[in-house]
Amino acid sequence: MGTVIMHDVVSVDGYIAYNDDMVGPLHDFYFSGDVPVVVGATQEKADYDHSGDVGGFRMSAASAEYVRAMWQSIGCLVIGRHFFDLMNGWEGNPPVGEHVIVVSHRPKPEGWHPDAPYTFVDDIHEAIRLAQEIADDRVVTVNAGNVGGQIFAAGLIDEVAMDVVPVIFGSGKRYFGDFTDEHRLDDPHIVVPGERVLHTRYKVSRDRAGESG
């Protein structure tokens, strides 16, 4: 089975959006460089950011190399219902990978893109099981936030990936959602300095913080 990676762009104080879901300057690095990045069969498939705007991704050379490899490795994306509703599911076109799993107690909206490769499940364990089955040996990416935090708390995350932007929000939507326990991550095994962003990845230790072994 492929690696399960929790991922998002995040402020240095740990927020992925303001309370009104706006991301402020967090995604500026996607559009402020000279190197275009396109993933998927069409430009439109890769051109959505969290605000719902459409525009070509152009990043610094370092970010483009990292982001392109990251996106191309993804087989399936796992998100929560709030994010699905916020983006209207990218109109049935997965922004990365070939399939999207939506964790929700509500079914897919009636009549919404019936042929879209989206599956709705109401259990995080089933979401990850199904996502790994679909992704096979490719990466499963879990969107950060409340659902991501629940999946992390359940011990289902293998790695944490953060694109850290040098800005302080002060309040907003937390990267780990409502997860507040202490937990140990390994030292970062990937650190890529970009322009106005630092790309980092950490493997998740299976030992709780404070425990030896």
C-alpha atoms as a PDB file:
ATOM      1  CA  MET A   1       0.000   0.000   0.000  1.00  0.00           C
ATOM      2  CA  GLY A   2       1.126   3.528  -0.694  1.00  0.00           C
ATOM      3  CA  THR A   3       2.181   6.091   1.899  1.00  0.00           C
ATOM      4  CA  VAL A   4      -0.554   8.171   3.556  1.00  0.00           C
ATOM      5  CA  ILE A   5       0.568  11.801   3.746  1.00  0.00           C
ATOM      6  CA  MET A   6      -1.264  14.604   5.536  1.00  0.00           C
ATOM      7  CA  HIS A   7      -0.533  17.786   3.604  1.00  0.00           C
ATOM      8  CA  ASP A   8      -1.376  21.465   3.331  1.00  0.00           C
ATOM      9  CA  VAL A   9       0.054  24.948   3.109  1.00  0.00           C
ATOM     10  CA  VAL A  10       0.369  26.431   6.593  1.00  0.00           C
ATOM     11  CA  SER A  11       1.342  29.635   8.363  1.00  0.00           C
ATOM     12  CA  VAL A  12       4.275  29.542  10.778  1.00  0.00           C
ATOM     13  CA  ASP A  13       1.809  29.572  13.681  1.00  0.00           C
ATOM     14  CA  GLY A  14      -0.040  26.524  12.384  1.00  0.00           C
ATOM     15  CA  TYR A  15      -3.091  27.763  10.455  1.00  0.00           C
ATOM     16  CA  ILE A  16      -4.272  26.661   7.002  1.00  0.00           C
ATOM     17  CA  ALA A  17      -6.934  29.365   6.604  1.00  0.00           C
ATOM     18  CA  TYR A  18      -8.671  32.161   8.440  1.00  0.00           C
ATOM     19  CA  ASN A  19     -11.947  31.387  10.213  1.00  0.00           C
ATOM     20  CA  ASP A  20     -13.850  32.519   7.104  1.00  0.00           C
ATOM     21  CA  ASP A  21     -11.898  29.942   5.020  1.00  0.00           C
ATOM     22  CA  MET A  22      -9.874  32.584   3.186  1.00  0.00           C
ATOM     23  CA  VAL A  23      -6.191  31.643   2.826  1.00  0.00           C
ATOM     24  CA  GLY A  24      -4.757  35.155   2.640  1.00  0.00           C
ATOM     25  CA  PRO A  25      -1.157  35.089   1.340  1.00  0.00           C
ATOM     26  CA  LEU A  26      -0.630  31.363   1.999  1.00  0.00           C
ATOM     27  CA  HIS A  27      -0.906  30.336  -1.648  1.00  0.00           C
ATOM     28  CA  ASP A  28       0.928  33.289  -3.179  1.00  0.00           C
ATOM     29  CA  PHE A  29       4.015  31.165  -3.828  1.00  0.00           C
ATOM     30  CA  TYR A  30       1.993  29.027  -6.251  1.00  0.00           C
ATOM     31  CA  PHE A  31       1.632  31.998  -8.598  1.00  0.00           C
ATOM     32  CA  SER A  32       4.683  34.217  -8.034  1.00  0.00           C
ATOM     33  CA  GLY A  33       7.493  32.303  -9.748  1.00  0.00           C
ATOM     34  CA  ASP A  34       8.764  31.734 -13.264  1.00  0.00           C
ATOM     35  CA  VAL A  35       8.384  27.958 -13.657  1.00  0.00           C
ATOM     36  CA  PRO A  36       4.953  26.644 -14.778  1.00  0.00           C
ATOM     37  CA  VAL A  37       3.596  23.515 -13.113  1.00  0.00           C
ATOM     38  CA  VAL A  38       0.796  21.527 -14.751  1.00  0.00           C
ATOM     39  CA  VAL A  39      -0.513  18.240 -13.375  1.00  0.00           C
ATOM     40  CA  GLY A  40      -3.261  16.179 -14.994  1.00  0.00           C
ATOM     41  CA  ALA A  41      -4.679  15.872 -18.472  1.00  0.00           C
ATOM     42  CA  THR A  42      -5.685  19.523 -18.760  1.00  0.00           C
ATOM     43  CA  GLN A  43      -4.507  22.849 -17.385  1.00  0.00           C
ATOM     44  CA  GLU A  44      -7.882  23.366 -15.678  1.00  0.00           C
ATOM     45  CA  LYS A  45      -7.490  20.154 -13.662  1.00  0.00           C
ATOM     46  CA  ALA A  46      -4.436  21.593 -11.910  1.00  0.00           C
ATOM     47  CA  ASP A  47      -5.417  25.219 -11.664  1.00  0.00           C
ATOM     48  CA  TYR A  48      -7.641  25.434  -8.555  1.00  0.00           C
ATOM     49  CA  ASP A  49      -6.427  26.842  -5.286  1.00  0.00           C
ATOM     50  CA  HIS A  50      -8.362  26.908  -1.979  1.00  0.00           C
ATOM     51  CA  SER A  51     -10.048  30.191  -2.827  1.00  0.00           C
ATOM     52  CA  GLY A  52     -11.639  28.672  -5.930  1.00  0.00           C
ATOM     53  CA  ASP A  53      -9.791  30.955  -8.347  1.00  0.00           C
ATOM     54  CA  VAL A  54      -8.426  29.598 -11.604  1.00  0.00           C
ATOM     55  CA  GLY A  55      -4.977  30.524 -12.886  1.00  0.00           C
ATOM     56  CA  GLY A  56      -1.767  28.891 -14.042  1.00  0.00           C
ATOM     57  CA  PHE A  57       0.633  27.719 -11.353  1.00  0.00           C
ATOM     58  CA  ARG A  58       4.032  29.411 -11.701  1.00  0.00           C
ATOM     59  CA  MET A  59       6.558  28.829  -8.912  1.00  0.00           C
ATOM     60  CA  SER A  60      10.216  29.219  -8.131  1.00  0.00           C
ATOM     61  CA  ALA A  61      12.413  26.493  -9.590  1.00  0.00           C
ATOM     62  CA  ALA A  62      12.897  24.804  -6.200  1.00  0.00           C
ATOM     63  CA  SER A  63       9.168  24.803  -5.385  1.00  0.00           C
ATOM     64  CA  ALA A  64       8.213  23.677  -8.893  1.00  0.00           C
ATOM     65  CA  GLU A  65      10.486  20.635  -8.703  1.00  0.00           C
ATOM     66  CA  TYR A  66       9.176  19.647  -5.264  1.00  0.00           C
ATOM     67  CA  VAL A  67       5.491  20.333  -5.946  1.00  0.00           C
ATOM     68  CA  ARG A  68       5.485  18.661  -9.345  1.00  0.00           C
ATOM     69  CA  ALA A  69       6.980  15.448  -7.930  1.00  0.00           C
ATOM     70  CA  MET A  70       4.605  15.546  -4.966  1.00  0.00           C
ATOM     71  CA  TRP A  71       1.475  15.998  -7.081  1.00  0.00           C
ATOM     72  CA  GLN A  72       2.506  13.392  -9.636  1.00  0.00           C
ATOM     73  CA  SER A  73       2.983  10.810  -6.878  1.00  0.00           C
ATOM     74  CA  ILE A  74      -0.621  11.081  -5.661  1.00  0.00           C
ATOM     75  CA  GLY A  75      -3.135   8.403  -6.544  1.00  0.00           C
ATOM     76  CA  CYS A  76      -6.031   9.402  -4.283  1.00  0.00           C
ATOM     77  CA  LEU A  77      -7.035  12.449  -2.247  1.00  0.00           C
ATOM     78  CA  VAL A  78      -8.999  12.336   1.035  1.00  0.00           C
ATOM     79  CA  ILE A  79     -10.910  15.456   2.117  1.00  0.00           C
ATOM     80  CA  GLY A  80     -13.689  16.447   4.494  1.00  0.00           C
ATOM     81  CA  ARG A  81     -17.205  17.504   3.514  1.00  0.00           C
ATOM     82  CA  HIS A  82     -16.638  21.144   4.431  1.00  0.00           C
ATOM     83  CA  PHE A  83     -13.757  21.423   1.991  1.00  0.00           C
ATOM     84  CA  PHE A  84     -15.753  19.571  -0.659  1.00  0.00           C
ATOM     85  CA  ASP A  85     -18.630  22.020  -0.258  1.00  0.00           C
ATOM     86  CA  LEU A  86     -16.260  24.994  -0.231  1.00  0.00           C
ATOM     87  CA  MET A  87     -14.730  23.953  -3.552  1.00  0.00           C
ATOM     88  CA  ASN A  88     -17.875  22.274  -4.953  1.00  0.00           C
ATOM     89  CA  GLY A  89     -15.599  19.280  -5.466  1.00  0.00           C
ATOM     90  CA  TRP A  90     -13.663  21.102  -8.196  1.00  0.00           C
ATOM     91  CA  GLU A  91     -16.730  20.438 -10.400  1.00  0.00           C
ATOM     92  CA  GLY A  92     -16.000  16.720 -10.459  1.00  0.00           C
ATOM     93  CA  ASN A  93     -12.349  16.998 -11.555  1.00  0.00           C
ATOM     94  CA  PRO A  94      -9.848  15.800  -8.910  1.00  0.00           C
ATOM     95  CA  PRO A  95      -7.167  18.499  -8.560  1.00  0.00           C
ATOM     96  CA  VAL A  96      -4.533  15.771  -8.062  1.00  0.00           C
ATOM     97  CA  GLY A  97      -4.654  12.011  -8.423  1.00  0.00           C
ATOM     98  CA  GLU A  98      -7.432  10.050 -10.082  1.00  0.00           C
ATOM     99  CA  HIS A  99      -9.972   9.761  -7.264  1.00  0.00           C
ATOM    100  CA  VAL A 100     -11.288  11.741  -4.292  1.00  0.00           C
ATOM    101  CA  ILE A 101     -12.656  10.240  -1.079  1.00  0.00           C
ATOM    102  CA  VAL A 102     -14.963  12.584   0.832  1.00  0.00           C
ATOM    103  CA  VAL A 103     -15.460  11.864   4.537  1.00  0.00           C
ATOM    104  CA  SER A 104     -19.038  12.872   5.243  1.00  0.00           C
ATOM    105  CA  HIS A 105     -22.170  11.743   7.054  1.00  0.00           C
ATOM    106  CA  ARG A 106     -24.140  13.180   4.142  1.00  0.00           C
ATOM    107  CA  PRO A 107     -24.353  11.514   0.711  1.00  0.00           C
ATOM    108  CA  LYS A 108     -23.100  13.020  -2.511  1.00  0.00           C
ATOM    109  CA  PRO A 109     -25.346  15.933  -3.525  1.00  0.00           C
ATOM    110  CA  GLU A 110     -28.198  14.685  -5.665  1.00  0.00           C
ATOM    111  CA  GLY A 111     -27.437  15.066  -9.352  1.00  0.00           C
ATOM    112  CA  TRP A 112     -23.882  16.308  -8.750  1.00  0.00           C
ATOM    113  CA  HIS A 113     -21.573  15.149 -11.579  1.00  0.00           C
ATOM    114  CA  PRO A 114     -22.779  11.526 -11.498  1.00  0.00           C
ATOM    115  CA  ASP A 115     -19.738  10.165 -13.347  1.00  0.00           C
ATOM    116  CA  ALA A 116     -17.128  11.998 -11.273  1.00  0.00           C
ATOM    117  CA  PRO A 117     -14.528   9.731  -9.574  1.00  0.00           C
ATOM    118  CA  TYR A 118     -15.649  10.692  -6.066  1.00  0.00           C
ATOM    119  CA  THR A 119     -16.668   8.347  -3.245  1.00  0.00           C
ATOM    120  CA  PHE A 120     -18.436   9.468  -0.058  1.00  0.00           C
ATOM    121  CA  VAL A 121     -17.861   7.478   3.154  1.00  0.00           C
ATOM    122  CA  ASP A 122     -18.777   8.245   6.756  1.00  0.00           C
ATOM    123  CA  ASP A 123     -15.840   6.566   8.515  1.00  0.00           C
ATOM    124  CA  ILE A 124     -12.209   7.666   8.505  1.00  0.00           C
ATOM    125  CA  HIS A 125     -10.855   4.092   8.678  1.00  0.00           C
ATOM    126  CA  GLU A 126     -12.925   3.098   5.677  1.00  0.00           C
ATOM    127  CA  ALA A 127     -11.835   6.257   3.874  1.00  0.00           C
ATOM    128  CA  ILE A 128      -8.149   5.403   4.240  1.00  0.00           C
ATOM    129  CA  ARG A 129      -8.686   1.704   3.453  1.00  0.00           C
ATOM    130  CA  LEU A 130     -10.533   2.554   0.262  1.00  0.00           C
ATOM    131  CA  ALA A 131      -8.093   5.312  -0.701  1.00  0.00           C
ATOM    132  CA  GLN A 132      -5.126   2.946  -0.365  1.00  0.00           C
ATOM    133  CA  GLU A 133      -6.924   0.318  -2.397  1.00  0.00           C
ATOM    134  CA  ILE A 134      -7.564   2.842  -5.164  1.00  0.00           C
ATOM    135  CA  ALA A 135      -4.079   4.386  -5.028  1.00  0.00           C
ATOM    136  CA  ASP A 136      -2.333   0.995  -4.932  1.00  0.00           C
ATOM    137  CA  ASP A 137       1.376   1.791  -4.525  1.00  0.00           C
ATOM    138  CA  ARG A 138       0.886   5.542  -5.105  1.00  0.00           C
ATOM    139  CA  VAL A 139       0.513   8.160  -2.393  1.00  0.00           C
ATOM    140  CA  VAL A 140      -2.729   8.870  -0.539  1.00  0.00           C
ATOM    141  CA  THR A 141      -2.903  12.547   0.398  1.00  0.00           C
ATOM    142  CA  VAL A 142      -5.097  13.662   3.292  1.00  0.00           C
ATOM    143  CA  ASN A 143      -6.095  17.307   3.422  1.00  0.00           C
ATOM    144  CA  ALA A 144      -5.166  18.956   6.726  1.00  0.00           C
ATOM    145  CA  GLY A 145      -7.851  20.341   9.039  1.00  0.00           C
ATOM    146  CA  ASN A 146     -10.453  18.662  11.231  1.00  0.00           C
ATOM    147  CA  VAL A 147     -10.831  15.473   9.202  1.00  0.00           C
ATOM    148  CA  GLY A 148      -7.072  15.264   8.709  1.00  0.00           C
ATOM    149  CA  GLY A 149      -6.599  15.713  12.445  1.00  0.00           C
ATOM    150  CA  GLN A 150      -9.032  12.878  13.146  1.00  0.00           C
ATOM    151  CA  ILE A 151      -7.163  10.596  10.751  1.00  0.00           C
ATOM    152  CA  PHE A 152      -3.854  11.607  12.353  1.00  0.00           C
ATOM    153  CA  ALA A 153      -5.247  10.921  15.844  1.00  0.00           C
ATOM    154  CA  ALA A 154      -6.356   7.462  14.687  1.00  0.00           C
ATOM    155  CA  GLY A 155      -2.758   6.589  13.766  1.00  0.00           C
ATOM    156  CA  LEU A 156      -3.492   6.348  10.043  1.00  0.00           C
ATOM    157  CA  ILE A 157      -1.009   8.975   8.832  1.00  0.00           C
ATOM    158  CA  ASP A 158       2.504   7.927   7.764  1.00  0.00           C
ATOM    159  CA  GLU A 159       3.935  11.357   7.025  1.00  0.00           C
ATOM    160  CA  VAL A 160       3.143  15.020   7.653  1.00  0.00           C
ATOM    161  CA  ALA A 161       3.937  17.428   4.792  1.00  0.00           C
ATOM    162  CA  MET A 162       3.850  21.169   5.400  1.00  0.00           C
ATOM    163  CA  ASP A 163       4.459  24.005   2.970  1.00  0.00           C
ATOM    164  CA  VAL A 164       5.297  26.629   5.603  1.00  0.00           C
ATOM    165  CA  VAL A 165       4.732  30.251   4.581  1.00  0.00           C
ATOM    166  CA  PRO A 166       6.424  33.016   6.622  1.00  0.00           C
ATOM    167  CA  VAL A 167       3.253  34.709   7.846  1.00  0.00           C
ATOM    168  CA  ILE A 168       1.481  34.740  11.219  1.00  0.00           C
ATOM    169  CA  PHE A 169      -2.310  34.465  11.228  1.00  0.00           C
ATOM    170  CA  GLY A 170      -2.924  34.615  14.980  1.00  0.00           C
ATOM    171  CA  SER A 171      -6.128  32.595  14.662  1.00  0.00           C
ATOM    172  CA  GLY A 172      -8.053  30.542  12.144  1.00  0.00           C
ATOM    173  CA  LYS A 173      -8.374  26.939  10.940  1.00  0.00           C
ATOM    174  CA  ARG A 174      -5.629  24.804  12.504  1.00  0.00           C
ATOM    175  CA  TYR A 175      -3.489  22.412  10.453  1.00  0.00           C
ATOM    176  CA  PHE A 176      -4.284  19.559  12.852  1.00  0.00           C
ATOM    177  CA  GLY A 177      -7.874  20.641  13.407  1.00  0.00           C
ATOM    178  CA  ASP A 178      -9.120  19.796  16.884  1.00  0.00           C
ATOM    179  CA  PHE A 179      -6.236  17.399  17.595  1.00  0.00           C
ATOM    180  CA  THR A 180      -4.519  18.670  20.762  1.00  0.00           C
ATOM    181  CA  ASP A 181      -2.567  15.674  22.074  1.00  0.00           C
ATOM    182  CA  GLU A 182       1.211  15.722  22.105  1.00  0.00           C
ATOM    183  CA  HIS A 183       2.848  13.475  19.522  1.00  0.00           C
ATOM    184  CA  ARG A 184       6.367  12.972  18.218  1.00  0.00           C
ATOM    185  CA  LEU A 185       7.387  13.368  14.597  1.00  0.00           C
ATOM    186  CA  ASP A 186      10.741  12.207  13.278  1.00  0.00           C
ATOM    187  CA  ASP A 187      13.295  14.714  12.039  1.00  0.00           C
ATOM    188  CA  PRO A 188      12.332  16.091   8.612  1.00  0.00           C
ATOM    189  CA  HIS A 189      13.560  13.863   5.810  1.00  0.00           C
ATOM    190  CA  ILE A 190      12.739  16.469   3.156  1.00  0.00           C
ATOM    191  CA  VAL A 191      13.498  20.185   3.514  1.00  0.00           C
ATOM    192  CA  VAL A 192      13.243  22.354   0.401  1.00  0.00           C
ATOM    193  CA  PRO A 193      13.591  26.149   0.719  1.00  0.00           C
ATOM    194  CA  GLY A 194      11.499  27.935  -1.889  1.00  0.00           C
ATOM    195  CA  GLU A 195      10.663  31.607  -2.313  1.00  0.00           C
ATOM    196  CA  ARG A 196       8.296  32.658   0.488  1.00  0.00           C
ATOM    197  CA  VAL A 197       7.773  28.993   1.440  1.00  0.00           C
ATOM    198  CA  LEU A 198       9.615  26.128   3.117  1.00  0.00           C
ATOM    199  CA  HIS A 199       8.585  22.633   2.017  1.00  0.00           C
ATOM    200  CA  THR A 200       9.030  20.034   4.779  1.00  0.00           C
ATOM    201  CA  ARG A 201       8.063  16.398   5.308  1.00  0.00           C
ATOM    202  CA  TYR A 202       8.177  14.411   8.534  1.00  0.00           C
ATOM    203  CA  LYS A 203       7.610  10.728   9.123  1.00  0.00           C
ATOM    204  CA  VAL A 204       5.188  10.069  11.981  1.00  0.00           C
ATOM    205  CA  SER A 205       6.719   8.288  14.942  1.00  0.00           C
ATOM    206  CA  ARG A 206       4.535   5.529  16.354  1.00  0.00           C
ATOM    207  CA  ASP A 207       5.812   6.425  19.850  1.00  0.00           C
ATOM    208  CA  ARG A 208       3.855   8.992  21.794  1.00  0.00           C
ATOM    209  CA  ALA A 209       5.830  12.044  22.878  1.00  0.00           C
ATOM    210  CA  GLY A 210       7.485  11.500  26.206  1.00  0.00           C
ATOM    211  CA  GLU A 211       7.742   7.741  25.763  1.00  0.00           C
ATOM    212  CA  SER A 212      11.054   6.024  25.273  1.00  0.00           C
ATOM    213  CA  GLY A 213      11.817   3.383  22.677  1.00  0.00           C
END
